[in-house]
Amino acid sequence: MTQDMTLSPRTLDYLNHTRSVPVLSILAVEFAVCLSKWATRRRTRKALKQLSTWQLADVGLTPAEADTEASKVFWRA
């Protein structure tokens, strides 16, 4: 099943003349995404420190690998 995705000239004209998203809005969203990633990394690395050896084995990590990952600062991927 295919769907025709051609736009009418009127629709194209409208899209070409609408304002784009303000740069400050884009930066604010990107900043919020960055903060969210950092918070997730911090939370998951903190939780990684709490896992027992059998739990680490269950997720496929050795204690040494878990320590290495958990010791990273939150802004490092």
PDB file of N, CA and C in Angstrom:
ATOM      1  N   MET A   1       0.846  -1.175   0.000  1.00  0.00           N
ATOM      2  CA  MET A   1       0.000   0.000   0.000  1.00  0.00           C
ATOM      3  C   MET A   1       0.892   1.239   0.000  1.00  0.00           C
ATOM      4  N   THR A   2       0.734   2.091  -0.988  1.00  0.00           N
ATOM      5  CA  THR A   2       1.512   3.324  -1.061  1.00  0.00           C
ATOM      6  C   THR A   2       0.583   4.509  -0.897  1.00  0.00           C
ATOM      7  N   GLN A   3       1.183   5.577  -0.432  1.00  0.00           N
ATOM      8  CA  GLN A   3       0.402   6.786  -0.225  1.00  0.00           C
ATOM      9  C   GLN A   3       1.100   7.924  -0.945  1.00  0.00           C
ATOM     10  N   ASP A   4       0.341   8.693  -1.678  1.00  0.00           N
ATOM     11  CA  ASP A   4       0.889   9.821  -2.413  1.00  0.00           C
ATOM     12  C   ASP A   4       1.178  10.958  -1.437  1.00  0.00           C
ATOM     13  N   MET A   5       2.424  11.404  -1.388  1.00  0.00           N
ATOM     14  CA  MET A   5       2.819  12.432  -0.432  1.00  0.00           C
ATOM     15  C   MET A   5       3.111  13.771  -1.112  1.00  0.00           C
ATOM     16  N   THR A   6       2.494  14.049  -2.251  1.00  0.00           N
ATOM     17  CA  THR A   6       2.702  15.329  -2.908  1.00  0.00           C
ATOM     18  C   THR A   6       1.895  16.402  -2.191  1.00  0.00           C
ATOM     19  N   LEU A   7       2.490  17.550  -2.089  1.00  0.00           N
ATOM     20  CA  LEU A   7       1.829  18.675  -1.430  1.00  0.00           C
ATOM     21  C   LEU A   7       1.332  19.649  -2.488  1.00  0.00           C
ATOM     22  N   SER A   8       0.218  20.254  -2.192  1.00  0.00           N
ATOM     23  CA  SER A   8      -0.342  21.214  -3.140  1.00  0.00           C
ATOM     24  C   SER A   8       0.521  22.473  -3.145  1.00  0.00           C
ATOM     25  N   PRO A   9       0.473  23.229  -4.222  1.00  0.00           N
ATOM     26  CA  PRO A   9       1.239  24.477  -4.279  1.00  0.00           C
ATOM     27  C   PRO A   9       0.850  25.439  -3.144  1.00  0.00           C
ATOM     28  N   ARG A  10      -0.413  25.428  -2.770  1.00  0.00           N
ATOM     29  CA  ARG A  10      -0.864  26.301  -1.687  1.00  0.00           C
ATOM     30  C   ARG A  10      -0.212  25.892  -0.364  1.00  0.00           C
ATOM     31  N   THR A  11      -0.132  24.589  -0.104  1.00  0.00           N
ATOM     32  CA  THR A  11       0.505  24.095   1.115  1.00  0.00           C
ATOM     33  C   THR A  11       1.986  24.420   1.104  1.00  0.00           C
ATOM     34  N   LEU A  12       2.642  24.212  -0.019  1.00  0.00           N
ATOM     35  CA  LEU A  12       4.062  24.534  -0.128  1.00  0.00           C
ATOM     36  C   LEU A  12       4.321  26.014   0.091  1.00  0.00           C
ATOM     37  N   ASP A  13       3.470  26.860  -0.453  1.00  0.00           N
ATOM     38  CA  ASP A  13       3.613  28.302  -0.269  1.00  0.00           C
ATOM     39  C   ASP A  13       3.477  28.669   1.212  1.00  0.00           C
ATOM     40  N   TYR A  14       2.511  28.057   1.885  1.00  0.00           N
ATOM     41  CA  TYR A  14       2.317  28.314   3.313  1.00  0.00           C
ATOM     42  C   TYR A  14       3.548  27.901   4.109  1.00  0.00           C
ATOM     43  N   LEU A  15       4.058  26.706   3.827  1.00  0.00           N
ATOM     44  CA  LEU A  15       5.220  26.208   4.562  1.00  0.00           C
ATOM     45  C   LEU A  15       6.462  27.057   4.319  1.00  0.00           C
ATOM     46  N   ASN A  16       6.596  27.585   3.115  1.00  0.00           N
ATOM     47  CA  ASN A  16       7.754  28.422   2.799  1.00  0.00           C
ATOM     48  C   ASN A  16       7.691  29.790   3.470  1.00  0.00           C
ATOM     49  N   HIS A  17       6.517  30.229   3.853  1.00  0.00           N
ATOM     50  CA  HIS A  17       6.380  31.558   4.434  1.00  0.00           C
ATOM     51  C   HIS A  17       6.136  31.558   5.941  1.00  0.00           C
ATOM     52  N   THR A  18       6.063  30.392   6.544  1.00  0.00           N
ATOM     53  CA  THR A  18       5.888  30.353   7.989  1.00  0.00           C
ATOM     54  C   THR A  18       7.221  30.598   8.670  1.00  0.00           C
ATOM     55  N   ARG A  19       7.164  31.114   9.869  1.00  0.00           N
ATOM     56  CA  ARG A  19       8.371  31.391  10.629  1.00  0.00           C
ATOM     57  C   ARG A  19       8.962  30.085  11.137  1.00  0.00           C
ATOM     58  N   SER A  20      10.255  30.065  11.201  1.00  0.00           N
ATOM     59  CA  SER A  20      10.919  28.897  11.768  1.00  0.00           C
ATOM     60  C   SER A  20      10.936  29.039  13.291  1.00  0.00           C
ATOM     61  N   VAL A  21      11.339  27.994  13.953  1.00  0.00           N
ATOM     62  CA  VAL A  21      11.417  28.005  15.410  1.00  0.00           C
ATOM     63  C   VAL A  21      12.555  28.938  15.814  1.00  0.00           C
ATOM     64  N   PRO A  22      12.336  29.798  16.788  1.00  0.00           N
ATOM     65  CA  PRO A  22      13.399  30.716  17.213  1.00  0.00           C
ATOM     66  C   PRO A  22      14.628  29.950  17.715  1.00  0.00           C
ATOM     67  N   VAL A  23      15.786  30.504  17.448  1.00  0.00           N
ATOM     68  CA  VAL A  23      17.051  29.879  17.824  1.00  0.00           C
ATOM     69  C   VAL A  23      17.115  29.650  19.327  1.00  0.00           C
ATOM     70  N   LEU A  24      16.637  30.590  20.102  1.00  0.00           N
ATOM     71  CA  LEU A  24      16.673  30.438  21.554  1.00  0.00           C
ATOM     72  C   LEU A  24      15.842  29.246  22.011  1.00  0.00           C
ATOM     73  N   SER A  25      14.745  28.984  21.346  1.00  0.00           N
ATOM     74  CA  SER A  25      13.925  27.810  21.678  1.00  0.00           C
ATOM     75  C   SER A  25      14.673  26.520  21.381  1.00  0.00           C
ATOM     76  N   ILE A  26      15.356  26.492  20.259  1.00  0.00           N
ATOM     77  CA  ILE A  26      16.133  25.309  19.891  1.00  0.00           C
ATOM     78  C   ILE A  26      17.235  25.074  20.914  1.00  0.00           C
ATOM     79  N   LEU A  27      17.929  26.134  21.297  1.00  0.00           N
ATOM     80  CA  LEU A  27      18.993  26.009  22.296  1.00  0.00           C
ATOM     81  C   LEU A  27      18.448  25.555  23.644  1.00  0.00           C
ATOM     82  N   ALA A  28      17.298  26.053  24.030  1.00  0.00           N
ATOM     83  CA  ALA A  28      16.700  25.663  25.304  1.00  0.00           C
ATOM     84  C   ALA A  28      16.347  24.173  25.302  1.00  0.00           C
ATOM     85  N   VAL A  29      15.812  23.684  24.210  1.00  0.00           N
ATOM     86  CA  VAL A  29      15.469  22.262  24.113  1.00  0.00           C
ATOM     87  C   VAL A  29      16.735  21.407  24.135  1.00  0.00           C
ATOM     88  N   GLU A  30      17.757  21.816  23.394  1.00  0.00           N
ATOM     89  CA  GLU A  30      19.011  21.063  23.379  1.00  0.00           C
ATOM     90  C   GLU A  30      19.655  21.040  24.763  1.00  0.00           C
ATOM     91  N   PHE A  31      19.584  22.150  25.482  1.00  0.00           N
ATOM     92  CA  PHE A  31      20.121  22.220  26.839  1.00  0.00           C
ATOM     93  C   PHE A  31      19.345  21.287  27.769  1.00  0.00           C
ATOM     94  N   ALA A  32      18.035  21.268  27.640  1.00  0.00           N
ATOM     95  CA  ALA A  32      17.213  20.388  28.472  1.00  0.00           C
ATOM     96  C   ALA A  32      17.514  18.919  28.175  1.00  0.00           C
ATOM     97  N   VAL A  33      17.718  18.584  26.923  1.00  0.00           N
ATOM     98  CA  VAL A  33      18.067  17.209  26.550  1.00  0.00           C
ATOM     99  C   VAL A  33      19.413  16.832  27.145  1.00  0.00           C
ATOM    100  N   CYS A  34      20.361  17.742  27.086  1.00  0.00           N
ATOM    101  CA  CYS A  34      21.691  17.501  27.652  1.00  0.00           C
ATOM    102  C   CYS A  34      21.608  17.265  29.161  1.00  0.00           C
ATOM    103  N   LEU A  35      20.865  18.102  29.859  1.00  0.00           N
ATOM    104  CA  LEU A  35      20.702  17.927  31.304  1.00  0.00           C
ATOM    105  C   LEU A  35      20.026  16.607  31.639  1.00  0.00           C
ATOM    106  N   SER A  36      19.069  16.220  30.829  1.00  0.00           N
ATOM    107  CA  SER A  36      18.373  14.953  31.049  1.00  0.00           C
ATOM    108  C   SER A  36      19.323  13.770  30.879  1.00  0.00           C
ATOM    109  N   LYS A  37      20.164  13.816  29.841  1.00  0.00           N
ATOM    110  CA  LYS A  37      21.149  12.756  29.626  1.00  0.00           C
ATOM    111  C   LYS A  37      22.115  12.672  30.806  1.00  0.00           C
ATOM    112  N   TRP A  38      22.587  13.836  31.262  1.00  0.00           N
ATOM    113  CA  TRP A  38      23.526  13.856  32.390  1.00  0.00           C
ATOM    114  C   TRP A  38      22.889  13.270  33.648  1.00  0.00           C
ATOM    115  N   ALA A  39      21.652  13.636  33.904  1.00  0.00           N
ATOM    116  CA  ALA A  39      20.957  13.121  35.087  1.00  0.00           C
ATOM    117  C   ALA A  39      20.770  11.609  35.002  1.00  0.00           C
ATOM    118  N   THR A  40      20.447  11.124  33.815  1.00  0.00           N
ATOM    119  CA  THR A  40      20.282   9.679  33.624  1.00  0.00           C
ATOM    120  C   THR A  40      21.600   8.960  33.836  1.00  0.00           C
ATOM    121  N   ARG A  41      22.680   9.495  33.268  1.00  0.00           N
ATOM    122  CA  ARG A  41      23.990   8.875  33.470  1.00  0.00           C
ATOM    123  C   ARG A  41      24.369   8.838  34.938  1.00  0.00           C
ATOM    124  N   ARG A  42      24.156   9.941  35.637  1.00  0.00           N
ATOM    125  CA  ARG A  42      24.502  10.001  37.059  1.00  0.00           C
ATOM    126  C   ARG A  42      23.702   8.976  37.855  1.00  0.00           C
ATOM    127  N   ARG A  43      22.418   8.911  37.586  1.00  0.00           N
ATOM    128  CA  ARG A  43      21.535   7.995  38.310  1.00  0.00           C
ATOM    129  C   ARG A  43      21.886   6.537  38.029  1.00  0.00           C
ATOM    130  N   THR A  44      22.121   6.200  36.767  1.00  0.00           N
ATOM    131  CA  THR A  44      22.410   4.810  36.432  1.00  0.00           C
ATOM    132  C   THR A  44      23.790   4.386  36.923  1.00  0.00           C
ATOM    133  N   ARG A  45      24.755   5.281  36.886  1.00  0.00           N
ATOM    134  CA  ARG A  45      26.084   4.933  37.400  1.00  0.00           C
ATOM    135  C   ARG A  45      26.070   4.788  38.914  1.00  0.00           C
ATOM    136  N   LYS A  46      25.270   5.592  39.561  1.00  0.00           N
ATOM    137  CA  LYS A  46      25.122   5.455  41.013  1.00  0.00           C
ATOM    138  C   LYS A  46      24.471   4.106  41.345  1.00  0.00           C
ATOM    139  N   ALA A  47      23.479   3.712  40.565  1.00  0.00           N
ATOM    140  CA  ALA A  47      22.810   2.429  40.786  1.00  0.00           C
ATOM    141  C   ALA A  47      23.739   1.262  40.455  1.00  0.00           C
ATOM    142  N   LEU A  48      24.614   1.453  39.485  1.00  0.00           N
ATOM    143  CA  LEU A  48      25.553   0.409  39.105  1.00  0.00           C
ATOM    144  C   LEU A  48      26.474   0.041  40.266  1.00  0.00           C
ATOM    145  N   LYS A  49      26.830   1.028  41.074  1.00  0.00           N
ATOM    146  CA  LYS A  49      27.682   0.783  42.248  1.00  0.00           C
ATOM    147  C   LYS A  49      26.993  -0.126  43.263  1.00  0.00           C
ATOM    148  N   GLN A  50      25.670  -0.148  43.256  1.00  0.00           N
ATOM    149  CA  GLN A  50      24.905  -0.899  44.247  1.00  0.00           C
ATOM    150  C   GLN A  50      24.660  -2.360  43.859  1.00  0.00           C
ATOM    151  N   LEU A  51      24.956  -2.731  42.618  1.00  0.00           N
ATOM    152  CA  LEU A  51      24.652  -4.080  42.153  1.00  0.00           C
ATOM    153  C   LEU A  51      25.634  -5.106  42.713  1.00  0.00           C
ATOM    154  N   SER A  52      25.118  -6.280  43.003  1.00  0.00           N
ATOM    155  CA  SER A  52      25.966  -7.375  43.485  1.00  0.00           C
ATOM    156  C   SER A  52      26.637  -8.056  42.288  1.00  0.00           C
ATOM    157  N   THR A  53      27.559  -8.953  42.579  1.00  0.00           N
ATOM    158  CA  THR A  53      28.298  -9.648  41.528  1.00  0.00           C
ATOM    159  C   THR A  53      27.378 -10.442  40.609  1.00  0.00           C
ATOM    160  N   TRP A  54      26.400 -11.141  41.192  1.00  0.00           N
ATOM    161  CA  TRP A  54      25.497 -11.932  40.345  1.00  0.00           C
ATOM    162  C   TRP A  54      24.604 -11.040  39.494  1.00  0.00           C
ATOM    163  N   GLN A  55      24.233  -9.860  40.013  1.00  0.00           N
ATOM    164  CA  GLN A  55      23.426  -8.938  39.214  1.00  0.00           C
ATOM    165  C   GLN A  55      24.253  -8.365  38.058  1.00  0.00           C
ATOM    166  N   LEU A  56      25.525  -8.071  38.330  1.00  0.00           N
ATOM    167  CA  LEU A  56      26.405  -7.585  37.263  1.00  0.00           C
ATOM    168  C   LEU A  56      26.576  -8.646  36.182  1.00  0.00           C
ATOM    169  N   ALA A  57      26.743  -9.902  36.607  1.00  0.00           N
ATOM    170  CA  ALA A  57      26.870 -10.991  35.642  1.00  0.00           C
ATOM    171  C   ALA A  57      25.590 -11.122  34.814  1.00  0.00           C
ATOM    172  N   ASP A  58      24.466 -10.854  35.422  1.00  0.00           N
ATOM    173  CA  ASP A  58      23.186 -10.944  34.721  1.00  0.00           C
ATOM    174  C   ASP A  58      23.078  -9.914  33.600  1.00  0.00           C
ATOM    175  N   VAL A  59      23.683  -8.751  33.796  1.00  0.00           N
ATOM    176  CA  VAL A  59      23.658  -7.723  32.749  1.00  0.00           C
ATOM    177  C   VAL A  59      24.900  -7.771  31.868  1.00  0.00           C
ATOM    178  N   GLY A  60      25.782  -8.746  32.128  1.00  0.00           N
ATOM    179  CA  GLY A  60      26.934  -8.951  31.265  1.00  0.00           C
ATOM    180  C   GLY A  60      28.142  -8.103  31.591  1.00  0.00           C
ATOM    181  N   LEU A  61      28.297  -7.698  32.852  1.00  0.00           N
ATOM    182  CA  LEU A  61      29.445  -6.892  33.265  1.00  0.00           C
ATOM    183  C   LEU A  61      30.244  -7.609  34.340  1.00  0.00           C
ATOM    184  N   THR A  62      31.542  -7.388  34.322  1.00  0.00           N
ATOM    185  CA  THR A  62      32.374  -7.865  35.413  1.00  0.00           C
ATOM    186  C   THR A  62      32.422  -6.764  36.468  1.00  0.00           C
ATOM    187  N   PRO A  63      32.794  -7.079  37.690  1.00  0.00           N
ATOM    188  CA  PRO A  63      32.929  -6.019  38.703  1.00  0.00           C
ATOM    189  C   PRO A  63      33.924  -4.931  38.294  1.00  0.00           C
ATOM    190  N   ALA A  64      34.992  -5.317  37.611  1.00  0.00           N
ATOM    191  CA  ALA A  64      35.973  -4.315  37.158  1.00  0.00           C
ATOM    192  C   ALA A  64      35.368  -3.369  36.122  1.00  0.00           C
ATOM    193  N   GLU A  65      34.611  -3.927  35.189  1.00  0.00           N
ATOM    194  CA  GLU A  65      33.951  -3.089  34.174  1.00  0.00           C
ATOM    195  C   GLU A  65      32.930  -2.158  34.822  1.00  0.00           C
ATOM    196  N   ALA A  66      32.206  -2.670  35.794  1.00  0.00           N
ATOM    197  CA  ALA A  66      31.212  -1.852  36.488  1.00  0.00           C
ATOM    198  C   ALA A  66      31.886  -0.722  37.264  1.00  0.00           C
ATOM    199  N   ASP A  67      33.002  -1.022  37.914  1.00  0.00           N
ATOM    200  CA  ASP A  67      33.731   0.020  38.646  1.00  0.00           C
ATOM    201  C   ASP A  67      34.245   1.101  37.707  1.00  0.00           C
ATOM    202  N   THR A  68      34.762   0.665  36.553  1.00  0.00           N
ATOM    203  CA  THR A  68      35.260   1.628  35.565  1.00  0.00           C
ATOM    204  C   THR A  68      34.136   2.547  35.094  1.00  0.00           C
ATOM    205  N   GLU A  69      33.000   1.959  34.766  1.00  0.00           N
ATOM    206  CA  GLU A  69      31.861   2.759  34.297  1.00  0.00           C
ATOM    207  C   GLU A  69      31.317   3.653  35.401  1.00  0.00           C
ATOM    208  N   ALA A  70      31.196   3.122  36.603  1.00  0.00           N
ATOM    209  CA  ALA A  70      30.634   3.887  37.712  1.00  0.00           C
ATOM    210  C   ALA A  70      31.527   5.041  38.151  1.00  0.00           C
ATOM    211  N   SER A  71      32.831   4.931  37.881  1.00  0.00           N
ATOM    212  CA  SER A  71      33.751   5.999  38.300  1.00  0.00           C
ATOM    213  C   SER A  71      33.815   7.155  37.320  1.00  0.00           C
ATOM    214  N   LYS A  72      33.195   7.005  36.149  1.00  0.00           N
ATOM    215  CA  LYS A  72      33.181   8.100  35.176  1.00  0.00           C
ATOM    216  C   LYS A  72      32.321   9.253  35.684  1.00  0.00           C
ATOM    217  N   VAL A  73      32.726  10.465  35.310  1.00  0.00           N
ATOM    218  CA  VAL A  73      31.902  11.630  35.641  1.00  0.00           C
ATOM    219  C   VAL A  73      30.693  11.666  34.717  1.00  0.00           C
ATOM    220  N   PHE A  74      29.628  12.304  35.143  1.00  0.00           N
ATOM    221  CA  PHE A  74      28.350  12.235  34.424  1.00  0.00           C
ATOM    222  C   PHE A  74      28.381  12.836  33.028  1.00  0.00           C
ATOM    223  N   TRP A  75      29.302  13.719  32.743  1.00  0.00           N
ATOM    224  CA  TRP A  75      29.306  14.329  31.411  1.00  0.00           C
ATOM    225  C   TRP A  75      30.090  13.496  30.403  1.00  0.00           C
ATOM    226  N   ARG A  76      30.730  12.426  30.855  1.00  0.00           N
ATOM    227  CA  ARG A  76      31.449  11.527  29.941  1.00  0.00           C
ATOM    228  C   ARG A  76      30.533  10.396  29.490  1.00  0.00           C
ATOM    229  N   ALA A  77      30.533  10.142  28.206  1.00  0.00           N
ATOM    230  CA  ALA A  77      29.697   9.057  27.672  1.00  0.00           C
ATOM    231  C   ALA A  77      30.350   7.720  27.918  1.00  0.00           C
TER     232      ALA A  77
END
